[in-house]
Amino acid sequence: MTKTFTENDLVRFLYDELNEDERLEMRESLCADMELRARLDELEEAKFALDAVTFKAPSDVVSRILYASKNLQSI
């Protein structure tokens, strides 16, 4: 029987979140199913692109959060 993998399964594979049996089954399916392999490649590219993104919060973000928090407490 051939297992149908979801996109979530592929993401779990990318992040090494599958158990040993699931990982083996996924590897076998990736060798046999070129569409599944292509989708994994797309997700892998997206993962690497996201890993390269840097986020920088404005320097005053902490003070704005504290200010908003104090104002909520007085309501």
PDB file of N, CA and C in Angstrom:
ATOM      1  N   MET A   1       0.840  -1.185   0.000  1.00  0.00           N
ATOM      2  CA  MET A   1       0.000   0.000   0.000  1.00  0.00           C
ATOM      3  C   MET A   1       0.883   1.246   0.000  1.00  0.00           C
ATOM      4  N   THR A   2       0.525   2.204  -0.836  1.00  0.00           N
ATOM      5  CA  THR A   2       1.278   3.443  -0.928  1.00  0.00           C
ATOM      6  C   THR A   2       0.653   4.494  -0.027  1.00  0.00           C
ATOM      7  N   LYS A   3       1.470   5.093   0.801  1.00  0.00           N
ATOM      8  CA  LYS A   3       0.978   6.137   1.700  1.00  0.00           C
ATOM      9  C   LYS A   3       0.956   7.459   0.955  1.00  0.00           C
ATOM     10  N   THR A   4      -0.075   8.231   1.192  1.00  0.00           N
ATOM     11  CA  THR A   4      -0.157   9.572   0.635  1.00  0.00           C
ATOM     12  C   THR A   4       0.358  10.543   1.681  1.00  0.00           C
ATOM     13  N   PHE A   5       1.371  11.309   1.322  1.00  0.00           N
ATOM     14  CA  PHE A   5       1.948  12.272   2.249  1.00  0.00           C
ATOM     15  C   PHE A   5       1.357  13.650   2.012  1.00  0.00           C
ATOM     16  N   THR A   6       1.153  14.361   3.087  1.00  0.00           N
ATOM     17  CA  THR A   6       0.640  15.726   3.011  1.00  0.00           C
ATOM     18  C   THR A   6       1.810  16.702   3.007  1.00  0.00           C
ATOM     19  N   GLU A   7       1.492  17.963   2.732  1.00  0.00           N
ATOM     20  CA  GLU A   7       2.511  19.003   2.799  1.00  0.00           C
ATOM     21  C   GLU A   7       3.060  19.107   4.224  1.00  0.00           C
ATOM     22  N   ASN A   8       2.187  18.905   5.198  1.00  0.00           N
ATOM     23  CA  ASN A   8       2.626  18.921   6.587  1.00  0.00           C
ATOM     24  C   ASN A   8       3.656  17.817   6.847  1.00  0.00           C
ATOM     25  N   ASP A   9       3.455  16.649   6.256  1.00  0.00           N
ATOM     26  CA  ASP A   9       4.432  15.562   6.394  1.00  0.00           C
ATOM     27  C   ASP A   9       5.784  15.974   5.809  1.00  0.00           C
ATOM     28  N   LEU A  10       5.747  16.661   4.677  1.00  0.00           N
ATOM     29  CA  LEU A  10       6.991  17.114   4.054  1.00  0.00           C
ATOM     30  C   LEU A  10       7.712  18.130   4.939  1.00  0.00           C
ATOM     31  N   VAL A  11       6.962  19.027   5.539  1.00  0.00           N
ATOM     32  CA  VAL A  11       7.556  20.017   6.442  1.00  0.00           C
ATOM     33  C   VAL A  11       8.154  19.315   7.658  1.00  0.00           C
ATOM     34  N   ARG A  12       7.431  18.352   8.191  1.00  0.00           N
ATOM     35  CA  ARG A  12       7.958  17.586   9.332  1.00  0.00           C
ATOM     36  C   ARG A  12       9.246  16.856   8.940  1.00  0.00           C
ATOM     37  N   PHE A  13       9.306  16.366   7.704  1.00  0.00           N
ATOM     38  CA  PHE A  13      10.517  15.717   7.208  1.00  0.00           C
ATOM     39  C   PHE A  13      11.672  16.714   7.157  1.00  0.00           C
ATOM     40  N   LEU A  14      11.395  17.905   6.625  1.00  0.00           N
ATOM     41  CA  LEU A  14      12.427  18.943   6.534  1.00  0.00           C
ATOM     42  C   LEU A  14      12.996  19.321   7.896  1.00  0.00           C
ATOM     43  N   TYR A  15      12.133  19.357   8.886  1.00  0.00           N
ATOM     44  CA  TYR A  15      12.547  19.770  10.227  1.00  0.00           C
ATOM     45  C   TYR A  15      12.898  18.579  11.127  1.00  0.00           C
ATOM     46  N   ASP A  16      13.070  17.410  10.511  1.00  0.00           N
ATOM     47  CA  ASP A  16      13.479  16.193  11.219  1.00  0.00           C
ATOM     48  C   ASP A  16      12.542  15.864  12.381  1.00  0.00           C
ATOM     49  N   GLU A  17      11.238  15.945  12.114  1.00  0.00           N
ATOM     50  CA  GLU A  17      10.227  15.690  13.140  1.00  0.00           C
ATOM     51  C   GLU A  17       9.478  14.373  12.939  1.00  0.00           C
ATOM     52  N   LEU A  18       9.925  13.555  11.994  1.00  0.00           N
ATOM     53  CA  LEU A  18       9.292  12.256  11.772  1.00  0.00           C
ATOM     54  C   LEU A  18       9.997  11.198  12.607  1.00  0.00           C
ATOM     55  N   ASN A  19       9.228  10.192  13.022  1.00  0.00           N
ATOM     56  CA  ASN A  19       9.889   9.083  13.710  1.00  0.00           C
ATOM     57  C   ASN A  19      10.632   8.245  12.667  1.00  0.00           C
ATOM     58  N   GLU A  20      11.383   7.279  13.131  1.00  0.00           N
ATOM     59  CA  GLU A  20      12.241   6.496  12.238  1.00  0.00           C
ATOM     60  C   GLU A  20      11.451   5.791  11.134  1.00  0.00           C
ATOM     61  N   ASP A  21      10.321   5.188  11.478  1.00  0.00           N
ATOM     62  CA  ASP A  21       9.503   4.488  10.480  1.00  0.00           C
ATOM     63  C   ASP A  21       8.935   5.461   9.449  1.00  0.00           C
ATOM     64  N   GLU A  22       8.435   6.601   9.921  1.00  0.00           N
ATOM     65  CA  GLU A  22       7.885   7.608   9.005  1.00  0.00           C
ATOM     66  C   GLU A  22       8.972   8.142   8.071  1.00  0.00           C
ATOM     67  N   ARG A  23      10.160   8.365   8.620  1.00  0.00           N
ATOM     68  CA  ARG A  23      11.264   8.892   7.821  1.00  0.00           C
ATOM     69  C   ARG A  23      11.648   7.896   6.717  1.00  0.00           C
ATOM     70  N   LEU A  24      11.722   6.629   7.063  1.00  0.00           N
ATOM     71  CA  LEU A  24      12.058   5.600   6.084  1.00  0.00           C
ATOM     72  C   LEU A  24      11.001   5.542   4.986  1.00  0.00           C
ATOM     73  N   GLU A  25       9.746   5.570   5.386  1.00  0.00           N
ATOM     74  CA  GLU A  25       8.646   5.540   4.423  1.00  0.00           C
ATOM     75  C   GLU A  25       8.687   6.776   3.517  1.00  0.00           C
ATOM     76  N   MET A  26       8.990   7.935   4.097  1.00  0.00           N
ATOM     77  CA  MET A  26       9.080   9.164   3.311  1.00  0.00           C
ATOM     78  C   MET A  26      10.227   9.071   2.309  1.00  0.00           C
ATOM     79  N   ARG A  27      11.376   8.589   2.738  1.00  0.00           N
ATOM     80  CA  ARG A  27      12.527   8.463   1.834  1.00  0.00           C
ATOM     81  C   ARG A  27      12.201   7.546   0.651  1.00  0.00           C
ATOM     82  N   GLU A  28      11.534   6.433   0.940  1.00  0.00           N
ATOM     83  CA  GLU A  28      11.152   5.510  -0.133  1.00  0.00           C
ATOM     84  C   GLU A  28      10.197   6.186  -1.110  1.00  0.00           C
ATOM     85  N   SER A  29       9.242   6.929  -0.587  1.00  0.00           N
ATOM     86  CA  SER A  29       8.274   7.619  -1.441  1.00  0.00           C
ATOM     87  C   SER A  29       8.946   8.709  -2.265  1.00  0.00           C
ATOM     88  N   LEU A  30       9.906   9.407  -1.669  1.00  0.00           N
ATOM     89  CA  LEU A  30      10.613  10.464  -2.393  1.00  0.00           C
ATOM     90  C   LEU A  30      11.422   9.904  -3.556  1.00  0.00           C
ATOM     91  N   CYS A  31      11.930   8.693  -3.403  1.00  0.00           N
ATOM     92  CA  CYS A  31      12.674   8.051  -4.495  1.00  0.00           C
ATOM     93  C   CYS A  31      11.749   7.615  -5.626  1.00  0.00           C
ATOM     94  N   ALA A  32      10.526   7.251  -5.284  1.00  0.00           N
ATOM     95  CA  ALA A  32       9.588   6.710  -6.271  1.00  0.00           C
ATOM     96  C   ALA A  32       8.690   7.767  -6.902  1.00  0.00           C
ATOM     97  N   ASP A  33       8.485   8.882  -6.230  1.00  0.00           N
ATOM     98  CA  ASP A  33       7.503   9.875  -6.676  1.00  0.00           C
ATOM     99  C   ASP A  33       8.198  11.208  -6.952  1.00  0.00           C
ATOM    100  N   MET A  34       8.397  11.507  -8.226  1.00  0.00           N
ATOM    101  CA  MET A  34       9.112  12.723  -8.606  1.00  0.00           C
ATOM    102  C   MET A  34       8.322  13.997  -8.279  1.00  0.00           C
ATOM    103  N   GLU A  35       6.997  13.917  -8.300  1.00  0.00           N
ATOM    104  CA  GLU A  35       6.185  15.083  -7.920  1.00  0.00           C
ATOM    105  C   GLU A  35       6.356  15.396  -6.436  1.00  0.00           C
ATOM    106  N   LEU A  36       6.375  14.359  -5.619  1.00  0.00           N
ATOM    107  CA  LEU A  36       6.588  14.539  -4.186  1.00  0.00           C
ATOM    108  C   LEU A  36       7.978  15.126  -3.949  1.00  0.00           C
ATOM    109  N   ARG A  37       8.967  14.621  -4.682  1.00  0.00           N
ATOM    110  CA  ARG A  37      10.342  15.117  -4.554  1.00  0.00           C
ATOM    111  C   ARG A  37      10.418  16.586  -4.968  1.00  0.00           C
ATOM    112  N   ALA A  38       9.716  16.949  -6.040  1.00  0.00           N
ATOM    113  CA  ALA A  38       9.722  18.338  -6.506  1.00  0.00           C
ATOM    114  C   ALA A  38       9.090  19.258  -5.467  1.00  0.00           C
ATOM    115  N   ARG A  39       8.015  18.810  -4.847  1.00  0.00           N
ATOM    116  CA  ARG A  39       7.353  19.626  -3.812  1.00  0.00           C
ATOM    117  C   ARG A  39       8.267  19.792  -2.604  1.00  0.00           C
ATOM    118  N   LEU A  40       8.971  18.720  -2.232  1.00  0.00           N
ATOM    119  CA  LEU A  40       9.925  18.822  -1.127  1.00  0.00           C
ATOM    120  C   LEU A  40      11.029  19.823  -1.473  1.00  0.00           C
ATOM    121  N   ASP A  41      11.509  19.786  -2.709  1.00  0.00           N
ATOM    122  CA  ASP A  41      12.542  20.735  -3.135  1.00  0.00           C
ATOM    123  C   ASP A  41      12.045  22.176  -3.017  1.00  0.00           C
ATOM    124  N   GLU A  42      10.787  22.420  -3.403  1.00  0.00           N
ATOM    125  CA  GLU A  42      10.207  23.768  -3.287  1.00  0.00           C
ATOM    126  C   GLU A  42      10.140  24.212  -1.828  1.00  0.00           C
ATOM    127  N   LEU A  43       9.689  23.314  -0.973  1.00  0.00           N
ATOM    128  CA  LEU A  43       9.594  23.642   0.455  1.00  0.00           C
ATOM    129  C   LEU A  43      10.975  23.871   1.062  1.00  0.00           C
ATOM    130  N   GLU A  44      11.945  23.109   0.597  1.00  0.00           N
ATOM    131  CA  GLU A  44      13.313  23.271   1.094  1.00  0.00           C
ATOM    132  C   GLU A  44      13.871  24.640   0.700  1.00  0.00           C
ATOM    133  N   GLU A  45      13.607  25.063  -0.533  1.00  0.00           N
ATOM    134  CA  GLU A  45      14.036  26.393  -0.978  1.00  0.00           C
ATOM    135  C   GLU A  45      13.378  27.481  -0.138  1.00  0.00           C
ATOM    136  N   ALA A  46      12.097  27.320   0.143  1.00  0.00           N
ATOM    137  CA  ALA A  46      11.384  28.301   0.970  1.00  0.00           C
ATOM    138  C   ALA A  46      11.961  28.336   2.379  1.00  0.00           C
ATOM    139  N   LYS A  47      12.281  27.174   2.923  1.00  0.00           N
ATOM    140  CA  LYS A  47      12.860  27.105   4.270  1.00  0.00           C
ATOM    141  C   LYS A  47      14.187  27.845   4.310  1.00  0.00           C
ATOM    142  N   PHE A  48      15.035  27.610   3.330  1.00  0.00           N
ATOM    143  CA  PHE A  48      16.329  28.293   3.303  1.00  0.00           C
ATOM    144  C   PHE A  48      16.155  29.796   3.136  1.00  0.00           C
ATOM    145  N   ALA A  49      15.181  30.208   2.321  1.00  0.00           N
ATOM    146  CA  ALA A  49      14.927  31.643   2.143  1.00  0.00           C
ATOM    147  C   ALA A  49      14.460  32.269   3.452  1.00  0.00           C
ATOM    148  N   LEU A  50      13.584  31.583   4.166  1.00  0.00           N
ATOM    149  CA  LEU A  50      13.104  32.097   5.454  1.00  0.00           C
ATOM    150  C   LEU A  50      14.224  32.146   6.486  1.00  0.00           C
ATOM    151  N   ASP A  51      15.098  31.147   6.465  1.00  0.00           N
ATOM    152  CA  ASP A  51      16.218  31.130   7.404  1.00  0.00           C
ATOM    153  C   ASP A  51      17.155  32.318   7.175  1.00  0.00           C
ATOM    154  N   ALA A  52      17.189  32.824   5.944  1.00  0.00           N
ATOM    155  CA  ALA A  52      18.087  33.928   5.615  1.00  0.00           C
ATOM    156  C   ALA A  52      17.512  35.294   5.991  1.00  0.00           C
ATOM    157  N   VAL A  53      16.226  35.350   6.276  1.00  0.00           N
ATOM    158  CA  VAL A  53      15.582  36.622   6.607  1.00  0.00           C
ATOM    159  C   VAL A  53      15.979  37.041   8.018  1.00  0.00           C
ATOM    160  N   THR A  54      16.309  38.306   8.147  1.00  0.00           N
ATOM    161  CA  THR A  54      16.598  38.839   9.481  1.00  0.00           C
ATOM    162  C   THR A  54      15.530  39.860   9.832  1.00  0.00           C
ATOM    163  N   PHE A  55      15.142  39.846  11.060  1.00  0.00           N
ATOM    164  CA  PHE A  55      14.123  40.768  11.539  1.00  0.00           C
ATOM    165  C   PHE A  55      14.761  41.700  12.552  1.00  0.00           C
ATOM    166  N   LYS A  56      14.467  42.975  12.415  1.00  0.00           N
ATOM    167  CA  LYS A  56      14.989  43.947  13.360  1.00  0.00           C
ATOM    168  C   LYS A  56      13.825  44.808  13.813  1.00  0.00           C
ATOM    169  N   ALA A  57      13.529  44.701  15.075  1.00  0.00           N
ATOM    170  CA  ALA A  57      12.447  45.504  15.647  1.00  0.00           C
ATOM    171  C   ALA A  57      12.936  46.938  15.831  1.00  0.00           C
ATOM    172  N   PRO A  58      12.023  47.899  15.746  1.00  0.00           N
ATOM    173  CA  PRO A  58      12.417  49.285  16.012  1.00  0.00           C
ATOM    174  C   PRO A  58      13.013  49.395  17.413  1.00  0.00           C
ATOM    175  N   SER A  59      13.939  50.323  17.584  1.00  0.00           N
ATOM    176  CA  SER A  59      14.640  50.444  18.864  1.00  0.00           C
ATOM    177  C   SER A  59      13.711  50.800  20.020  1.00  0.00           C
ATOM    178  N   ASP A  60      12.583  51.427  19.724  1.00  0.00           N
ATOM    179  CA  ASP A  60      11.674  51.839  20.800  1.00  0.00           C
ATOM    180  C   ASP A  60      10.536  50.846  21.045  1.00  0.00           C
ATOM    181  N   VAL A  61      10.613  49.666  20.477  1.00  0.00           N
ATOM    182  CA  VAL A  61       9.506  48.722  20.581  1.00  0.00           C
ATOM    183  C   VAL A  61       9.224  48.312  22.030  1.00  0.00           C
ATOM    184  N   VAL A  62      10.255  48.092  22.826  1.00  0.00           N
ATOM    185  CA  VAL A  62      10.044  47.676  24.215  1.00  0.00           C
ATOM    186  C   VAL A  62       9.341  48.775  24.993  1.00  0.00           C
ATOM    187  N   SER A  63       9.776  50.002  24.825  1.00  0.00           N
ATOM    188  CA  SER A  63       9.137  51.099  25.564  1.00  0.00           C
ATOM    189  C   SER A  63       7.688  51.291  25.120  1.00  0.00           C
ATOM    190  N   ARG A  64       7.400  51.085  23.840  1.00  0.00           N
ATOM    191  CA  ARG A  64       6.013  51.215  23.372  1.00  0.00           C
ATOM    192  C   ARG A  64       5.132  50.105  23.944  1.00  0.00           C
ATOM    193  N   ILE A  65       5.669  48.906  24.039  1.00  0.00           N
ATOM    194  CA  ILE A  65       4.907  47.793  24.619  1.00  0.00           C
ATOM    195  C   ILE A  65       4.633  48.055  26.095  1.00  0.00           C
ATOM    196  N   LEU A  66       5.644  48.497  26.812  1.00  0.00           N
ATOM    197  CA  LEU A  66       5.459  48.797  28.236  1.00  0.00           C
ATOM    198  C   LEU A  66       4.445  49.921  28.434  1.00  0.00           C
ATOM    199  N   TYR A  67       4.515  50.934  27.592  1.00  0.00           N
ATOM    200  CA  TYR A  67       3.576  52.050  27.673  1.00  0.00           C
ATOM    201  C   TYR A  67       2.147  51.553  27.432  1.00  0.00           C
ATOM    202  N   ALA A  68       1.967  50.745  26.399  1.00  0.00           N
ATOM    203  CA  ALA A  68       0.639  50.216  26.090  1.00  0.00           C
ATOM    204  C   ALA A  68       0.140  49.321  27.217  1.00  0.00           C
ATOM    205  N   SER A  69       1.029  48.539  27.783  1.00  0.00           N
ATOM    206  CA  SER A  69       0.653  47.660  28.886  1.00  0.00           C
ATOM    207  C   SER A  69       0.185  48.456  30.102  1.00  0.00           C
ATOM    208  N   LYS A  70       0.879  49.515  30.425  1.00  0.00           N
ATOM    209  CA  LYS A  70       0.492  50.355  31.566  1.00  0.00           C
ATOM    210  C   LYS A  70      -0.864  51.007  31.321  1.00  0.00           C
ATOM    211  N   ASN A  71      -1.105  51.422  30.095  1.00  0.00           N
ATOM    212  CA  ASN A  71      -2.388  52.054  29.769  1.00  0.00           C
ATOM    213  C   ASN A  71      -3.539  51.061  29.834  1.00  0.00           C
ATOM    214  N   LEU A  72      -3.296  49.811  29.499  1.00  0.00           N
ATOM    215  CA  LEU A  72      -4.339  48.792  29.590  1.00  0.00           C
ATOM    216  C   LEU A  72      -4.682  48.482  31.040  1.00  0.00           C
ATOM    217  N   GLN A  73      -3.696  48.525  31.903  1.00  0.00           N
ATOM    218  CA  GLN A  73      -3.922  48.230  33.315  1.00  0.00           C
ATOM    219  C   GLN A  73      -4.801  49.283  33.976  1.00  0.00           C
ATOM    220  N   SER A  74      -4.760  50.501  33.479  1.00  0.00           N
ATOM    221  CA  SER A  74      -5.541  51.567  34.106  1.00  0.00           C
ATOM    222  C   SER A  74      -6.986  51.602  33.616  1.00  0.00           C
ATOM    223  N   ILE A  75      -7.312  50.802  32.634  1.00  0.00           N
ATOM    224  CA  ILE A  75      -8.687  50.782  32.096  1.00  0.00           C
ATOM    225  C   ILE A  75      -9.596  49.979  32.985  1.00  0.00           C
TER     226      ILE A  75
END
